[in-house]
C-alpha atoms as a PDB file:
ATOM      1  CA  MET A   1       0.000   0.000   0.000  1.00  0.00           C
ATOM      2  CA  THR A   2       1.281   3.454  -0.929  1.00  0.00           C
ATOM      3  CA  THR A   3       1.663   5.870   1.980  1.00  0.00           C
ATOM      4  CA  ARG A   4       0.777   9.564   1.960  1.00  0.00           C
ATOM      5  CA  SER A   5       4.494  10.324   2.218  1.00  0.00           C
ATOM      6  CA  GLN A   6       5.230   8.269  -0.892  1.00  0.00           C
ATOM      7  CA  ILE A   7       2.369   9.904  -2.765  1.00  0.00           C
ATOM      8  CA  GLY A   8       3.654  13.323  -1.675  1.00  0.00           C
ATOM      9  CA  LYS A   9       7.107  12.548  -3.078  1.00  0.00           C
ATOM     10  CA  ILE A  10       5.618  11.379  -6.370  1.00  0.00           C
ATOM     11  CA  VAL A  11       3.444  14.493  -6.616  1.00  0.00           C
ATOM     12  CA  ASP A  12       6.484  16.708  -5.919  1.00  0.00           C
ATOM     13  CA  GLU A  13       8.519  14.979  -8.642  1.00  0.00           C
ATOM     14  CA  VAL A  14       5.698  15.181 -11.167  1.00  0.00           C
ATOM     15  CA  SER A  15       5.031  18.828 -10.274  1.00  0.00           C
ATOM     16  CA  LYS A  16       8.680  19.757 -10.864  1.00  0.00           C
ATOM     17  CA  LYS A  17       8.605  17.998 -14.237  1.00  0.00           C
ATOM     18  CA  LEU A  18       5.369  19.745 -15.209  1.00  0.00           C
ATOM     19  CA  ILE A  19       6.765  23.147 -14.195  1.00  0.00           C
ATOM     20  CA  ASP A  20       9.847  22.482 -16.335  1.00  0.00           C
ATOM     21  CA  GLU A  21       7.522  21.673 -19.253  1.00  0.00           C
ATOM     22  CA  GLY A  22       5.274  24.692 -18.645  1.00  0.00           C
ATOM     23  CA  LYS A  23       2.241  22.469 -17.984  1.00  0.00           C
ATOM     24  CA  LEU A  24       1.613  22.628 -14.212  1.00  0.00           C
ATOM     25  CA  ILE A  25      -1.585  24.676 -14.362  1.00  0.00           C
ATOM     26  CA  GLU A  26      -2.920  22.879 -17.440  1.00  0.00           C
ATOM     27  CA  VAL A  27      -2.564  19.501 -15.737  1.00  0.00           C
ATOM     28  CA  GLY A  28      -4.052  20.984 -12.568  1.00  0.00           C
ATOM     29  CA  PHE A  29      -7.088  21.970 -14.594  1.00  0.00           C
ATOM     30  CA  TYR A  30      -7.287  18.444 -15.996  1.00  0.00           C
ATOM     31  CA  GLY A  31      -7.480  17.135 -12.410  1.00  0.00           C
ATOM     32  CA  TYR A  32     -10.111  19.727 -11.555  1.00  0.00           C
ATOM     33  CA  ARG A  33     -12.106  18.756 -14.632  1.00  0.00           C
ATOM     34  CA  ARG A  34     -11.854  15.058 -13.841  1.00  0.00           C
ATOM     35  CA  PHE A  35     -12.805  15.270 -10.177  1.00  0.00           C
ATOM     36  CA  VAL A  36     -15.107  18.303 -10.021  1.00  0.00           C
ATOM     37  CA  LEU A  37     -16.939  18.761 -13.302  1.00  0.00           C
ATOM     38  CA  PRO A  38     -19.651  16.299 -14.280  1.00  0.00           C
ATOM     39  CA  PRO A  39     -18.503  13.833 -16.955  1.00  0.00           C
ATOM     40  CA  ASN A  40     -21.204  15.087 -19.305  1.00  0.00           C
ATOM     41  CA  ALA A  41     -20.391  18.785 -18.827  1.00  0.00           C
ATOM     42  CA  PRO A  42     -21.011  20.753 -22.012  1.00  0.00           C
ATOM     43  CA  GLN A  43     -17.964  22.212 -23.757  1.00  0.00           C
ATOM     44  CA  ILE A  44     -18.996  25.770 -22.835  1.00  0.00           C
ATOM     45  CA  GLN A  45     -18.889  24.847 -19.128  1.00  0.00           C
ATOM     46  CA  ILE A  46     -15.478  23.219 -19.532  1.00  0.00           C
ATOM     47  CA  ASP A  47     -14.143  26.250 -21.427  1.00  0.00           C
ATOM     48  CA  GLU A  48     -15.495  28.770 -18.910  1.00  0.00           C
ATOM     49  CA  CYS A  49     -14.183  26.744 -15.960  1.00  0.00           C
ATOM     50  CA  ARG A  50     -10.753  26.608 -17.609  1.00  0.00           C
ATOM     51  CA  TRP A  51     -10.798  30.393 -17.959  1.00  0.00           C
ATOM     52  CA  ALA A  52     -11.724  30.760 -14.290  1.00  0.00           C
ATOM     53  CA  PHE A  53      -9.102  28.203 -13.210  1.00  0.00           C
ATOM     54  CA  PHE A  54      -6.305  29.935 -15.110  1.00  0.00           C
ATOM     55  CA  ALA A  55      -7.525  33.378 -14.009  1.00  0.00           C
ATOM     56  CA  GLY A  56      -7.295  32.266 -10.388  1.00  0.00           C
ATOM     57  CA  ALA A  57      -3.796  30.896 -10.933  1.00  0.00           C
ATOM     58  CA  GLN A  58      -2.696  34.074 -12.702  1.00  0.00           C
ATOM     59  CA  HIS A  59      -4.181  36.248  -9.957  1.00  0.00           C
ATOM     60  CA  LEU A  60      -2.421  34.302  -7.225  1.00  0.00           C
ATOM     61  CA  PHE A  61       0.944  34.278  -8.960  1.00  0.00           C
ATOM     62  CA  ALA A  62       0.788  37.986  -9.834  1.00  0.00           C
ATOM     63  CA  SER A  63      -0.227  38.764  -6.250  1.00  0.00           C
ATOM     64  CA  ILE A  64       2.662  36.755  -4.816  1.00  0.00           C
ATOM     65  CA  ILE A  65       5.135  38.519  -7.087  1.00  0.00           C
ATOM     66  CA  SER A  66       3.752  41.960  -6.185  1.00  0.00           C
ATOM     67  CA  ILE A  67       3.721  41.454  -2.386  1.00  0.00           C
ATOM     68  CA  MET A  68       7.271  40.203  -2.042  1.00  0.00           C
ATOM     69  CA  ASP A  69       9.592  42.694  -0.376  1.00  0.00           C
ATOM     70  CA  ALA A  70      12.346  44.062  -2.609  1.00  0.00           C
ATOM     71  CA  ASP A  71      15.167  42.359  -0.686  1.00  0.00           C
ATOM     72  CA  ALA A  72      17.101  39.638  -2.484  1.00  0.00           C
ATOM     73  CA  GLU A  73      16.222  37.085   0.190  1.00  0.00           C
ATOM     74  CA  PRO A  74      12.697  36.424   1.465  1.00  0.00           C
ATOM     75  CA  THR A  75      11.876  38.565   4.478  1.00  0.00           C
ATOM     76  CA  ALA A  76       9.861  37.620   7.547  1.00  0.00           C
ATOM     77  CA  ASN A  77       6.899  39.474   6.006  1.00  0.00           C
ATOM     78  CA  ASP A  78       7.280  37.518   2.763  1.00  0.00           C
ATOM     79  CA  LEU A  79       7.211  34.244   4.669  1.00  0.00           C
ATOM     80  CA  ARG A  80       4.223  35.338   6.761  1.00  0.00           C
ATOM     81  CA  ARG A  81       2.309  36.291   3.637  1.00  0.00           C
ATOM     82  CA  MET A  82       3.140  32.986   1.974  1.00  0.00           C
ATOM     83  CA  ASP A  83       1.972  31.169   5.121  1.00  0.00           C
ATOM     84  CA  GLN A  84      -1.329  33.058   4.937  1.00  0.00           C
ATOM     85  CA  ILE A  85      -1.797  32.099   1.289  1.00  0.00           C
ATOM     86  CA  HIS A  86      -0.884  28.509   2.131  1.00  0.00           C
ATOM     87  CA  ALA A  87      -3.416  28.396   4.990  1.00  0.00           C
ATOM     88  CA  GLU A  88      -6.167  29.815   2.775  1.00  0.00           C
ATOM     89  CA  LEU A  89      -5.478  27.269   0.050  1.00  0.00           C
ATOM     90  CA  GLN A  90      -5.219  24.387   2.534  1.00  0.00           C
ATOM     91  CA  LYS A  91      -8.681  25.292   3.834  1.00  0.00           C
ATOM     92  CA  PHE A  92     -10.004  25.204   0.273  1.00  0.00           C
ATOM     93  CA  ALA A  93      -8.179  21.916  -0.432  1.00  0.00           C
ATOM     94  CA  LYS A  94      -9.977  20.293   2.505  1.00  0.00           C
ATOM     95  CA  GLU A  95     -13.333  21.531   1.211  1.00  0.00           C
ATOM     96  CA  LEU A  96     -12.481  20.213  -2.263  1.00  0.00           C
ATOM     97  CA  GLU A  97     -11.410  16.847  -0.850  1.00  0.00           C
ATOM     98  CA  LEU A  98     -14.734  16.496   0.961  1.00  0.00           C
ATOM     99  CA  ARG A  99     -16.606  17.411  -2.207  1.00  0.00           C
ATOM    100  CA  VAL A 100     -14.699  14.878  -4.295  1.00  0.00           C
ATOM    101  CA  GLU A 101     -15.169  12.161  -1.655  1.00  0.00           C
ATOM    102  CA  SER A 102     -18.901  12.811  -1.434  1.00  0.00           C
ATOM    103  CA  LYS A 103     -19.245  12.613  -5.232  1.00  0.00           C
ATOM    104  CA  GLY A 104     -17.426   9.286  -5.200  1.00  0.00           C
ATOM    105  CA  LYS A 105     -19.930   7.869  -2.718  1.00  0.00           C
ATOM    106  CA  ALA A 106     -22.936   8.973  -4.770  1.00  0.00           C
END
């Protein structure tokens, strides 16, 4: 049986590879589509959700870049802000996990 730690390592390796290929967000959307959208979703829904997914990713990345202090090394404020973003996204990830689990039981 695969442990969470092993899965985490695999996800990290795959994520690094996808970043190198410029496909991290695209593959993230594929996962979102697979686990969140209904299998019979019309193309317009898929297209609009992709726009929203990428817009959210672009907003987050642009926000992170703009809030970082100008120092060469991350400052305490930078790290605090990243922790806040992480906490917000972890809360959402738990909600998403519950949603996916409940769909699987239906």
